[in-house]
Amino acid sequence: MSLKNQQDPQKGNNFYETERLILRPMSLEDGEFILDLYNRPKFIKFIGDRNIKTVADAENYIQNRFLPQFEKLGYGNYLMMTKEGNHKIGGVGIFEREGLDVVDIGFSLLDEFEGKGYAYEAAFKIKSIGMDDFGLKKISAITTKGNFSSQKLIEKLGLKFQKYVTIPDDVEELMYYETE
């Protein structure tokens, strides 16, 4: 994979390229996309209902959840966009999560773009950025017991299953993975 880093002149934040994708920090202009993605049945089933019912809800979520982490840490949730056609297809990022001691990598895709290797391509790049550019020593991942495609991708990224965990405000026991 040929990987380059560039600056977004409008925002001053880094955006990244992989062979087929552009990864840029989520911004308020992604409200409609987040509304769509976060209300897909698979997102709700495997990640959870974020109670985003309008574009304004999505913009508030971006403003209050995504942007502060970028300001604080320099990394966060990135929009996955195809180079060919500039389609917004998903999100990938490294997150500080309440209840986890190690930052975790997460990803979500629109159903129609699953199974094409995009999530792995994006997650591999973001994991590299976290470790190489931001000096992270460990990265974790959590997923539900029934989300086999995520488990497979997490393992392909080199994370190993460690234990079952629950995070605050969630009763479901999740699978916890970590880099070694």
N, C-alpha and C. Protein backbone atom coordinates (compact mmCIF):
# COMPACT_ATOMS: atom_id res chain seq x y z
N MET A 1 0.84 -1.19 0.00
CA MET A 1 0.00 0.00 0.00
C MET A 1 0.88 1.24 0.00
N SER A 2 0.63 2.13 -0.92
CA SER A 2 1.36 3.40 -0.93
C SER A 2 0.60 4.37 -0.03
N LEU A 3 1.28 4.90 0.98
CA LEU A 3 0.63 5.73 1.97
C LEU A 3 1.30 7.09 2.02
N LYS A 4 0.49 8.15 1.92
CA LYS A 4 1.02 9.50 2.01
C LYS A 4 0.21 10.28 3.04
N ASN A 5 0.85 11.25 3.62
CA ASN A 5 0.17 12.16 4.54
C ASN A 5 0.17 13.54 3.90
N GLN A 6 -0.92 14.25 4.05
CA GLN A 6 -1.00 15.60 3.51
C GLN A 6 -1.70 16.48 4.51
N GLN A 7 -1.58 17.78 4.31
CA GLN A 7 -2.30 18.74 5.14
C GLN A 7 -3.56 19.19 4.41
N ASP A 8 -4.64 19.31 5.12
CA ASP A 8 -5.86 19.89 4.59
C ASP A 8 -5.74 21.40 4.80
N PRO A 9 -5.60 22.18 3.72
CA PRO A 9 -5.35 23.62 3.89
C PRO A 9 -6.48 24.34 4.60
N GLN A 10 -7.73 23.87 4.49
CA GLN A 10 -8.84 24.54 5.16
C GLN A 10 -8.78 24.39 6.68
N LYS A 11 -8.41 23.21 7.15
CA LYS A 11 -8.53 22.93 8.57
C LYS A 11 -7.19 22.87 9.29
N GLY A 12 -6.11 22.65 8.54
CA GLY A 12 -4.83 22.51 9.19
C GLY A 12 -4.64 21.13 9.82
N ASN A 13 -5.66 20.27 9.78
CA ASN A 13 -5.55 18.92 10.33
C ASN A 13 -5.01 17.98 9.26
N ASN A 14 -4.32 16.96 9.72
CA ASN A 14 -3.83 15.96 8.78
C ASN A 14 -4.97 15.17 8.18
N PHE A 15 -4.81 14.87 6.90
CA PHE A 15 -5.64 13.83 6.31
C PHE A 15 -4.69 12.87 5.65
N TYR A 16 -5.13 11.66 5.46
CA TYR A 16 -4.25 10.58 5.05
C TYR A 16 -4.83 9.89 3.83
N GLU A 17 -3.94 9.26 3.07
CA GLU A 17 -4.36 8.49 1.91
C GLU A 17 -3.87 7.06 2.03
N THR A 18 -4.69 6.15 1.53
CA THR A 18 -4.27 4.77 1.33
C THR A 18 -4.40 4.53 -0.17
N GLU A 19 -4.25 3.32 -0.57
CA GLU A 19 -4.33 3.02 -2.00
C GLU A 19 -5.65 3.47 -2.62
N ARG A 20 -6.78 3.24 -1.89
CA ARG A 20 -8.09 3.53 -2.47
C ARG A 20 -8.89 4.57 -1.71
N LEU A 21 -8.37 5.04 -0.58
CA LEU A 21 -9.17 5.90 0.31
C LEU A 21 -8.46 7.19 0.68
N ILE A 22 -9.29 8.17 1.01
CA ILE A 22 -8.84 9.38 1.69
C ILE A 22 -9.47 9.32 3.08
N LEU A 23 -8.66 9.56 4.10
CA LEU A 23 -9.12 9.59 5.49
C LEU A 23 -8.92 11.00 6.00
N ARG A 24 -10.01 11.63 6.39
CA ARG A 24 -9.89 12.99 6.92
C ARG A 24 -10.72 13.10 8.19
N PRO A 25 -10.34 14.01 9.08
CA PRO A 25 -11.09 14.15 10.32
C PRO A 25 -12.58 14.42 10.04
N MET A 26 -13.43 13.76 10.81
CA MET A 26 -14.87 14.05 10.71
C MET A 26 -15.08 15.52 11.03
N SER A 27 -16.04 16.13 10.33
CA SER A 27 -16.34 17.53 10.57
C SER A 27 -17.86 17.72 10.54
N LEU A 28 -18.29 18.91 10.89
CA LEU A 28 -19.73 19.19 10.94
C LEU A 28 -20.41 18.96 9.59
N GLU A 29 -19.68 19.10 8.50
CA GLU A 29 -20.27 18.88 7.17
C GLU A 29 -20.62 17.40 6.94
N ASP A 30 -20.24 16.52 7.86
CA ASP A 30 -20.55 15.10 7.74
C ASP A 30 -21.81 14.70 8.50
N GLY A 31 -22.59 15.67 8.93
CA GLY A 31 -23.79 15.39 9.71
C GLY A 31 -24.77 14.44 9.02
N GLU A 32 -25.08 14.70 7.75
CA GLU A 32 -26.01 13.82 7.03
C GLU A 32 -25.47 12.41 6.92
N PHE A 33 -24.18 12.29 6.67
CA PHE A 33 -23.57 10.97 6.56
C PHE A 33 -23.65 10.22 7.90
N ILE A 34 -23.31 10.89 9.00
CA ILE A 34 -23.37 10.26 10.32
C ILE A 34 -24.81 9.85 10.65
N LEU A 35 -25.77 10.69 10.32
CA LEU A 35 -27.17 10.35 10.53
C LEU A 35 -27.51 9.03 9.83
N ASP A 36 -27.09 8.88 8.58
CA ASP A 36 -27.34 7.66 7.81
C ASP A 36 -26.59 6.48 8.43
N LEU A 37 -25.28 6.59 8.59
CA LEU A 37 -24.45 5.49 9.08
C LEU A 37 -24.90 5.00 10.45
N TYR A 38 -25.12 5.92 11.37
CA TYR A 38 -25.42 5.56 12.76
C TYR A 38 -26.84 5.02 12.94
N ASN A 39 -27.65 5.10 11.90
CA ASN A 39 -29.00 4.54 11.99
C ASN A 39 -29.17 3.29 11.15
N ARG A 40 -28.10 2.78 10.58
CA ARG A 40 -28.15 1.51 9.85
C ARG A 40 -28.38 0.39 10.86
N PRO A 41 -29.18 -0.62 10.49
CA PRO A 41 -29.46 -1.73 11.43
C PRO A 41 -28.19 -2.40 11.97
N LYS A 42 -27.19 -2.63 11.14
CA LYS A 42 -25.96 -3.28 11.61
C LYS A 42 -25.21 -2.40 12.61
N PHE A 43 -25.20 -1.09 12.39
CA PHE A 43 -24.53 -0.18 13.32
C PHE A 43 -25.21 -0.27 14.68
N ILE A 44 -26.53 -0.18 14.68
CA ILE A 44 -27.28 -0.23 15.93
C ILE A 44 -27.09 -1.58 16.62
N LYS A 45 -27.11 -2.66 15.85
CA LYS A 45 -26.96 -4.00 16.42
C LYS A 45 -25.57 -4.22 17.02
N PHE A 46 -24.52 -3.85 16.30
CA PHE A 46 -23.18 -4.19 16.73
C PHE A 46 -22.45 -3.08 17.50
N ILE A 47 -22.84 -1.83 17.30
CA ILE A 47 -22.15 -0.73 17.97
C ILE A 47 -23.07 -0.05 18.98
N GLY A 48 -24.32 0.12 18.62
CA GLY A 48 -25.27 0.68 19.58
C GLY A 48 -26.04 1.86 18.99
N ASP A 49 -27.19 2.13 19.59
CA ASP A 49 -28.03 3.25 19.17
C ASP A 49 -27.51 4.51 19.85
N ARG A 50 -27.05 5.44 19.06
CA ARG A 50 -26.51 6.70 19.59
C ARG A 50 -27.60 7.77 19.69
N ASN A 51 -28.85 7.39 19.42
CA ASN A 51 -29.99 8.29 19.53
C ASN A 51 -29.82 9.54 18.66
N ILE A 52 -29.34 9.31 17.45
CA ILE A 52 -29.18 10.39 16.48
C ILE A 52 -30.35 10.27 15.50
N LYS A 53 -31.27 11.22 15.59
CA LYS A 53 -32.51 11.14 14.80
C LYS A 53 -32.63 12.22 13.73
N THR A 54 -31.78 13.25 13.81
CA THR A 54 -31.82 14.35 12.85
C THR A 54 -30.40 14.74 12.47
N VAL A 55 -30.25 15.52 11.41
CA VAL A 55 -28.94 16.03 11.03
C VAL A 55 -28.38 16.89 12.17
N ALA A 56 -29.24 17.66 12.83
CA ALA A 56 -28.78 18.48 13.95
C ALA A 56 -28.23 17.60 15.08
N ASP A 57 -28.88 16.47 15.36
CA ASP A 57 -28.36 15.53 16.37
C ASP A 57 -26.97 15.05 15.97
N ALA A 58 -26.81 14.71 14.69
CA ALA A 58 -25.54 14.21 14.19
C ALA A 58 -24.46 15.29 14.30
N GLU A 59 -24.79 16.51 13.94
CA GLU A 59 -23.83 17.61 14.05
C GLU A 59 -23.44 17.85 15.50
N ASN A 60 -24.40 17.77 16.42
CA ASN A 60 -24.11 17.92 17.85
C ASN A 60 -23.18 16.81 18.33
N TYR A 61 -23.43 15.58 17.85
CA TYR A 61 -22.59 14.44 18.22
C TYR A 61 -21.15 14.68 17.74
N ILE A 62 -21.01 15.12 16.52
CA ILE A 62 -19.68 15.43 15.97
C ILE A 62 -19.03 16.54 16.81
N GLN A 63 -19.78 17.60 17.08
CA GLN A 63 -19.27 18.76 17.82
C GLN A 63 -18.84 18.37 19.24
N ASN A 64 -19.62 17.53 19.89
CA ASN A 64 -19.39 17.22 21.30
C ASN A 64 -18.55 15.98 21.55
N ARG A 65 -18.49 15.06 20.58
CA ARG A 65 -17.77 13.80 20.79
C ARG A 65 -16.49 13.71 19.97
N PHE A 66 -16.57 14.06 18.69
CA PHE A 66 -15.41 13.87 17.81
C PHE A 66 -14.42 15.03 17.88
N LEU A 67 -14.91 16.25 17.73
CA LEU A 67 -14.01 17.40 17.64
C LEU A 67 -13.17 17.63 18.90
N PRO A 68 -13.75 17.49 20.12
CA PRO A 68 -12.92 17.69 21.31
C PRO A 68 -11.74 16.72 21.41
N GLN A 69 -11.94 15.48 20.95
CA GLN A 69 -10.82 14.53 21.02
C GLN A 69 -9.71 14.92 20.06
N PHE A 70 -10.06 15.40 18.87
CA PHE A 70 -9.03 15.88 17.94
C PHE A 70 -8.25 17.03 18.57
N GLU A 71 -8.98 17.95 19.22
CA GLU A 71 -8.32 19.10 19.85
C GLU A 71 -7.41 18.66 20.98
N LYS A 72 -7.85 17.67 21.75
CA LYS A 72 -7.10 17.22 22.92
C LYS A 72 -5.91 16.33 22.54
N LEU A 73 -6.13 15.37 21.63
CA LEU A 73 -5.12 14.35 21.35
C LEU A 73 -4.47 14.45 19.97
N GLY A 74 -5.14 15.13 19.03
CA GLY A 74 -4.60 15.24 17.67
C GLY A 74 -5.08 14.13 16.75
N TYR A 75 -5.79 13.17 17.27
CA TYR A 75 -6.37 12.10 16.46
C TYR A 75 -7.77 11.79 16.99
N GLY A 76 -8.54 11.03 16.19
CA GLY A 76 -9.91 10.73 16.59
C GLY A 76 -10.61 9.94 15.52
N ASN A 77 -11.81 10.39 15.13
CA ASN A 77 -12.64 9.68 14.17
C ASN A 77 -12.47 10.30 12.78
N TYR A 78 -12.09 9.47 11.83
CA TYR A 78 -11.85 9.91 10.46
C TYR A 78 -12.94 9.40 9.53
N LEU A 79 -13.29 10.23 8.58
CA LEU A 79 -14.21 9.84 7.52
C LEU A 79 -13.43 9.03 6.49
N MET A 80 -14.00 7.90 6.08
CA MET A 80 -13.43 7.12 4.98
C MET A 80 -14.14 7.56 3.71
N MET A 81 -13.36 7.98 2.72
CA MET A 81 -13.92 8.42 1.45
C MET A 81 -13.13 7.77 0.32
N THR A 82 -13.87 7.24 -0.67
CA THR A 82 -13.18 6.60 -1.79
C THR A 82 -12.51 7.67 -2.65
N LYS A 83 -11.34 7.34 -3.16
CA LYS A 83 -10.68 8.24 -4.10
C LYS A 83 -11.46 8.28 -5.40
N GLU A 84 -11.94 7.12 -5.81
CA GLU A 84 -12.73 7.03 -7.04
C GLU A 84 -14.18 7.38 -6.71
N GLY A 85 -14.62 8.53 -7.13
CA GLY A 85 -16.00 8.95 -6.91
C GLY A 85 -16.25 9.76 -5.66
N ASN A 86 -15.26 9.86 -4.77
CA ASN A 86 -15.41 10.62 -3.52
C ASN A 86 -16.66 10.23 -2.74
N HIS A 87 -16.91 8.93 -2.61
CA HIS A 87 -18.05 8.45 -1.83
C HIS A 87 -17.67 8.36 -0.36
N LYS A 88 -18.51 8.92 0.51
CA LYS A 88 -18.33 8.75 1.95
C LYS A 88 -18.84 7.34 2.27
N ILE A 89 -17.94 6.50 2.82
CA ILE A 89 -18.32 5.09 3.01
C ILE A 89 -18.28 4.62 4.44
N GLY A 90 -17.62 5.36 5.34
CA GLY A 90 -17.55 4.88 6.72
C GLY A 90 -16.72 5.78 7.59
N GLY A 91 -16.52 5.30 8.80
CA GLY A 91 -15.70 6.00 9.78
C GLY A 91 -14.69 5.04 10.38
N VAL A 92 -13.53 5.56 10.74
CA VAL A 92 -12.48 4.77 11.39
C VAL A 92 -11.73 5.71 12.32
N GLY A 93 -11.34 5.21 13.47
CA GLY A 93 -10.61 6.10 14.36
C GLY A 93 -10.05 5.40 15.56
N ILE A 94 -9.30 6.17 16.32
CA ILE A 94 -8.78 5.74 17.61
C ILE A 94 -9.43 6.63 18.65
N PHE A 95 -10.02 5.99 19.66
CA PHE A 95 -10.88 6.70 20.60
C PHE A 95 -10.45 6.48 22.04
N GLU A 96 -10.57 7.53 22.84
CA GLU A 96 -10.52 7.38 24.29
C GLU A 96 -11.94 6.97 24.68
N ARG A 97 -12.04 5.85 25.38
CA ARG A 97 -13.36 5.36 25.78
C ARG A 97 -13.42 5.17 27.29
N GLU A 98 -14.47 5.69 27.87
CA GLU A 98 -14.67 5.51 29.29
C GLU A 98 -14.75 4.02 29.60
N GLY A 99 -14.01 3.60 30.61
CA GLY A 99 -14.02 2.20 31.00
C GLY A 99 -12.87 1.40 30.40
N LEU A 100 -12.13 2.00 29.46
CA LEU A 100 -10.97 1.32 28.88
C LEU A 100 -9.71 2.12 29.20
N ASP A 101 -8.66 1.42 29.63
CA ASP A 101 -7.41 2.09 29.96
C ASP A 101 -6.57 2.38 28.72
N VAL A 102 -6.79 1.61 27.65
CA VAL A 102 -6.02 1.74 26.42
C VAL A 102 -6.94 2.28 25.33
N VAL A 103 -6.47 3.27 24.55
CA VAL A 103 -7.30 3.80 23.46
C VAL A 103 -7.70 2.67 22.52
N ASP A 104 -8.89 2.78 21.95
CA ASP A 104 -9.32 1.68 21.09
C ASP A 104 -9.60 2.14 19.68
N ILE A 105 -9.37 1.21 18.76
CA ILE A 105 -9.60 1.46 17.34
C ILE A 105 -11.01 0.98 17.01
N GLY A 106 -11.70 1.75 16.23
CA GLY A 106 -13.06 1.39 15.84
C GLY A 106 -13.31 1.75 14.40
N PHE A 107 -14.27 1.08 13.80
CA PHE A 107 -14.58 1.29 12.39
C PHE A 107 -16.02 0.92 12.14
N SER A 108 -16.62 1.58 11.16
CA SER A 108 -17.99 1.25 10.72
C SER A 108 -18.11 1.66 9.26
N LEU A 109 -18.84 0.85 8.52
CA LEU A 109 -18.99 1.05 7.08
C LEU A 109 -20.44 0.99 6.68
N LEU A 110 -20.79 1.73 5.65
CA LEU A 110 -22.09 1.53 5.04
C LEU A 110 -22.13 0.11 4.48
N ASP A 111 -23.28 -0.55 4.62
CA ASP A 111 -23.41 -1.96 4.21
C ASP A 111 -22.93 -2.21 2.79
N GLU A 112 -23.23 -1.30 1.89
CA GLU A 112 -22.92 -1.53 0.47
C GLU A 112 -21.42 -1.50 0.16
N PHE A 113 -20.60 -1.11 1.13
CA PHE A 113 -19.15 -1.09 0.92
C PHE A 113 -18.42 -2.15 1.74
N GLU A 114 -19.17 -2.98 2.45
CA GLU A 114 -18.56 -4.06 3.23
C GLU A 114 -18.02 -5.15 2.32
N GLY A 115 -17.04 -5.89 2.81
CA GLY A 115 -16.52 -7.05 2.09
C GLY A 115 -15.57 -6.70 0.95
N LYS A 116 -15.12 -5.46 0.89
CA LYS A 116 -14.23 -5.03 -0.19
C LYS A 116 -12.83 -4.68 0.32
N GLY A 117 -12.60 -4.89 1.60
CA GLY A 117 -11.29 -4.60 2.18
C GLY A 117 -11.07 -3.16 2.61
N TYR A 118 -12.08 -2.31 2.48
CA TYR A 118 -11.93 -0.90 2.85
C TYR A 118 -11.67 -0.72 4.35
N ALA A 119 -12.40 -1.43 5.18
CA ALA A 119 -12.25 -1.25 6.63
C ALA A 119 -10.85 -1.65 7.07
N TYR A 120 -10.33 -2.75 6.55
CA TYR A 120 -8.98 -3.16 6.91
C TYR A 120 -7.96 -2.13 6.41
N GLU A 121 -8.10 -1.69 5.19
CA GLU A 121 -7.18 -0.71 4.61
C GLU A 121 -7.14 0.56 5.47
N ALA A 122 -8.31 1.04 5.87
CA ALA A 122 -8.38 2.26 6.67
C ALA A 122 -7.88 2.02 8.10
N ALA A 123 -8.30 0.91 8.71
CA ALA A 123 -7.90 0.63 10.09
C ALA A 123 -6.40 0.38 10.20
N PHE A 124 -5.82 -0.30 9.21
CA PHE A 124 -4.38 -0.53 9.20
C PHE A 124 -3.63 0.80 9.18
N LYS A 125 -4.09 1.72 8.36
CA LYS A 125 -3.46 3.04 8.26
C LYS A 125 -3.60 3.81 9.58
N ILE A 126 -4.80 3.81 10.14
CA ILE A 126 -5.04 4.55 11.38
C ILE A 126 -4.23 3.95 12.54
N LYS A 127 -4.15 2.63 12.60
CA LYS A 127 -3.33 1.98 13.63
C LYS A 127 -1.87 2.42 13.47
N SER A 128 -1.36 2.44 12.25
CA SER A 128 0.02 2.87 11.99
C SER A 128 0.23 4.32 12.41
N ILE A 129 -0.72 5.18 12.09
CA ILE A 129 -0.63 6.60 12.48
C ILE A 129 -0.56 6.71 14.00
N GLY A 130 -1.45 5.99 14.68
CA GLY A 130 -1.47 6.04 16.15
C GLY A 130 -0.15 5.64 16.76
N MET A 131 0.41 4.56 16.25
CA MET A 131 1.64 4.04 16.85
C MET A 131 2.87 4.81 16.37
N ASP A 132 2.95 5.10 15.08
CA ASP A 132 4.14 5.74 14.52
C ASP A 132 4.16 7.25 14.73
N ASP A 133 3.05 7.92 14.43
CA ASP A 133 3.01 9.39 14.50
C ASP A 133 2.69 9.91 15.90
N PHE A 134 1.87 9.18 16.66
CA PHE A 134 1.44 9.66 17.97
C PHE A 134 2.08 8.89 19.12
N GLY A 135 2.92 7.91 18.81
CA GLY A 135 3.68 7.21 19.84
C GLY A 135 2.87 6.33 20.76
N LEU A 136 1.70 5.88 20.31
CA LEU A 136 0.91 4.99 21.16
C LEU A 136 1.64 3.65 21.29
N LYS A 137 1.73 3.15 22.52
CA LYS A 137 2.41 1.88 22.76
C LYS A 137 1.46 0.70 22.59
N LYS A 138 0.18 0.94 22.90
CA LYS A 138 -0.82 -0.12 22.79
C LYS A 138 -2.09 0.46 22.21
N ILE A 139 -2.80 -0.38 21.48
CA ILE A 139 -4.13 -0.03 20.96
C ILE A 139 -5.02 -1.22 21.27
N SER A 140 -6.24 -0.94 21.68
CA SER A 140 -7.19 -2.00 21.96
C SER A 140 -8.33 -1.94 20.95
N ALA A 141 -9.20 -2.92 21.03
CA ALA A 141 -10.43 -2.93 20.23
C ALA A 141 -11.47 -3.71 21.02
N ILE A 142 -12.72 -3.30 20.88
CA ILE A 142 -13.81 -4.03 21.51
C ILE A 142 -14.85 -4.34 20.44
N THR A 143 -15.50 -5.47 20.61
CA THR A 143 -16.58 -5.82 19.69
C THR A 143 -17.53 -6.78 20.38
N THR A 144 -18.72 -6.89 19.82
CA THR A 144 -19.70 -7.82 20.37
C THR A 144 -19.31 -9.25 20.01
N LYS A 145 -19.83 -10.19 20.79
CA LYS A 145 -19.52 -11.60 20.58
C LYS A 145 -20.02 -12.10 19.23
N GLY A 146 -21.08 -11.49 18.71
CA GLY A 146 -21.66 -11.96 17.45
C GLY A 146 -21.14 -11.25 16.20
N ASN A 147 -20.27 -10.29 16.37
CA ASN A 147 -19.77 -9.53 15.21
C ASN A 147 -18.50 -10.19 14.67
N PHE A 148 -18.70 -11.28 13.96
CA PHE A 148 -17.58 -12.11 13.50
C PHE A 148 -16.70 -11.38 12.49
N SER A 149 -17.28 -10.55 11.63
CA SER A 149 -16.45 -9.85 10.64
C SER A 149 -15.52 -8.85 11.33
N SER A 150 -16.00 -8.18 12.38
CA SER A 150 -15.13 -7.27 13.12
C SER A 150 -14.04 -8.04 13.87
N GLN A 151 -14.41 -9.16 14.46
CA GLN A 151 -13.41 -9.97 15.17
C GLN A 151 -12.28 -10.37 14.22
N LYS A 152 -12.66 -10.80 13.02
CA LYS A 152 -11.68 -11.23 12.02
C LYS A 152 -10.77 -10.06 11.62
N LEU A 153 -11.36 -8.89 11.39
CA LEU A 153 -10.57 -7.72 11.01
C LEU A 153 -9.64 -7.30 12.14
N ILE A 154 -10.12 -7.30 13.37
CA ILE A 154 -9.30 -6.92 14.53
C ILE A 154 -8.09 -7.86 14.64
N GLU A 155 -8.33 -9.14 14.46
CA GLU A 155 -7.24 -10.11 14.53
C GLU A 155 -6.26 -9.92 13.37
N LYS A 156 -6.78 -9.59 12.19
CA LYS A 156 -5.92 -9.33 11.02
C LYS A 156 -5.03 -8.11 11.26
N LEU A 157 -5.51 -7.16 12.07
CA LEU A 157 -4.72 -5.98 12.43
C LEU A 157 -3.61 -6.31 13.42
N GLY A 158 -3.61 -7.54 13.95
CA GLY A 158 -2.57 -7.95 14.88
C GLY A 158 -2.94 -7.81 16.34
N LEU A 159 -4.21 -7.55 16.63
CA LEU A 159 -4.65 -7.47 18.03
C LEU A 159 -5.08 -8.87 18.47
N LYS A 160 -4.83 -9.17 19.73
CA LYS A 160 -5.13 -10.49 20.27
C LYS A 160 -6.22 -10.38 21.33
N PHE A 161 -7.15 -11.35 21.32
CA PHE A 161 -8.20 -11.38 22.34
C PHE A 161 -7.57 -11.54 23.72
N GLN A 162 -8.04 -10.70 24.67
CA GLN A 162 -7.51 -10.73 26.04
C GLN A 162 -8.54 -11.21 27.06
N LYS A 163 -9.77 -10.65 26.96
CA LYS A 163 -10.77 -10.91 28.01
C LYS A 163 -12.11 -10.34 27.57
N TYR A 164 -13.12 -10.59 28.38
CA TYR A 164 -14.43 -9.97 28.19
C TYR A 164 -14.54 -8.78 29.13
N VAL A 165 -15.14 -7.70 28.64
CA VAL A 165 -15.28 -6.48 29.44
C VAL A 165 -16.69 -5.91 29.27
N THR A 166 -17.06 -5.07 30.20
CA THR A 166 -18.25 -4.23 30.02
C THR A 166 -17.78 -2.80 30.21
N ILE A 167 -18.40 -1.89 29.45
CA ILE A 167 -18.05 -0.48 29.56
C ILE A 167 -19.22 0.26 30.21
N PRO A 168 -18.95 1.41 30.82
CA PRO A 168 -20.03 2.16 31.51
C PRO A 168 -21.24 2.39 30.60
N ASP A 169 -22.41 2.31 31.18
CA ASP A 169 -23.70 2.54 30.50
C ASP A 169 -24.01 1.47 29.45
N ASP A 170 -23.38 0.31 29.55
CA ASP A 170 -23.66 -0.78 28.63
C ASP A 170 -23.61 -2.08 29.42
N VAL A 171 -24.65 -2.88 29.31
CA VAL A 171 -24.70 -4.13 30.07
C VAL A 171 -24.09 -5.30 29.30
N GLU A 172 -23.95 -5.14 27.97
CA GLU A 172 -23.45 -6.23 27.15
C GLU A 172 -21.97 -6.48 27.38
N GLU A 173 -21.64 -7.76 27.55
CA GLU A 173 -20.24 -8.14 27.69
C GLU A 173 -19.59 -8.11 26.30
N LEU A 174 -18.47 -7.42 26.19
CA LEU A 174 -17.78 -7.25 24.91
C LEU A 174 -16.45 -8.00 24.91
N MET A 175 -16.01 -8.36 23.72
CA MET A 175 -14.70 -8.97 23.57
C MET A 175 -13.67 -7.86 23.50
N TYR A 176 -12.60 -8.00 24.28
CA TYR A 176 -11.54 -6.99 24.37
C TYR A 176 -10.25 -7.56 23.77
N TYR A 177 -9.70 -6.81 22.81
CA TYR A 177 -8.46 -7.19 22.13
C TYR A 177 -7.41 -6.11 22.39
N GLU A 178 -6.14 -6.49 22.28
CA GLU A 178 -5.08 -5.51 22.48
C GLU A 178 -3.86 -5.91 21.65
N THR A 179 -3.08 -4.87 21.25
CA THR A 179 -1.80 -5.14 20.57
C THR A 179 -0.87 -5.75 21.60
N GLU A 180 0.10 -6.51 21.10
CA GLU A 180 1.05 -7.14 22.05
C GLU A 180 2.38 -6.43 22.02
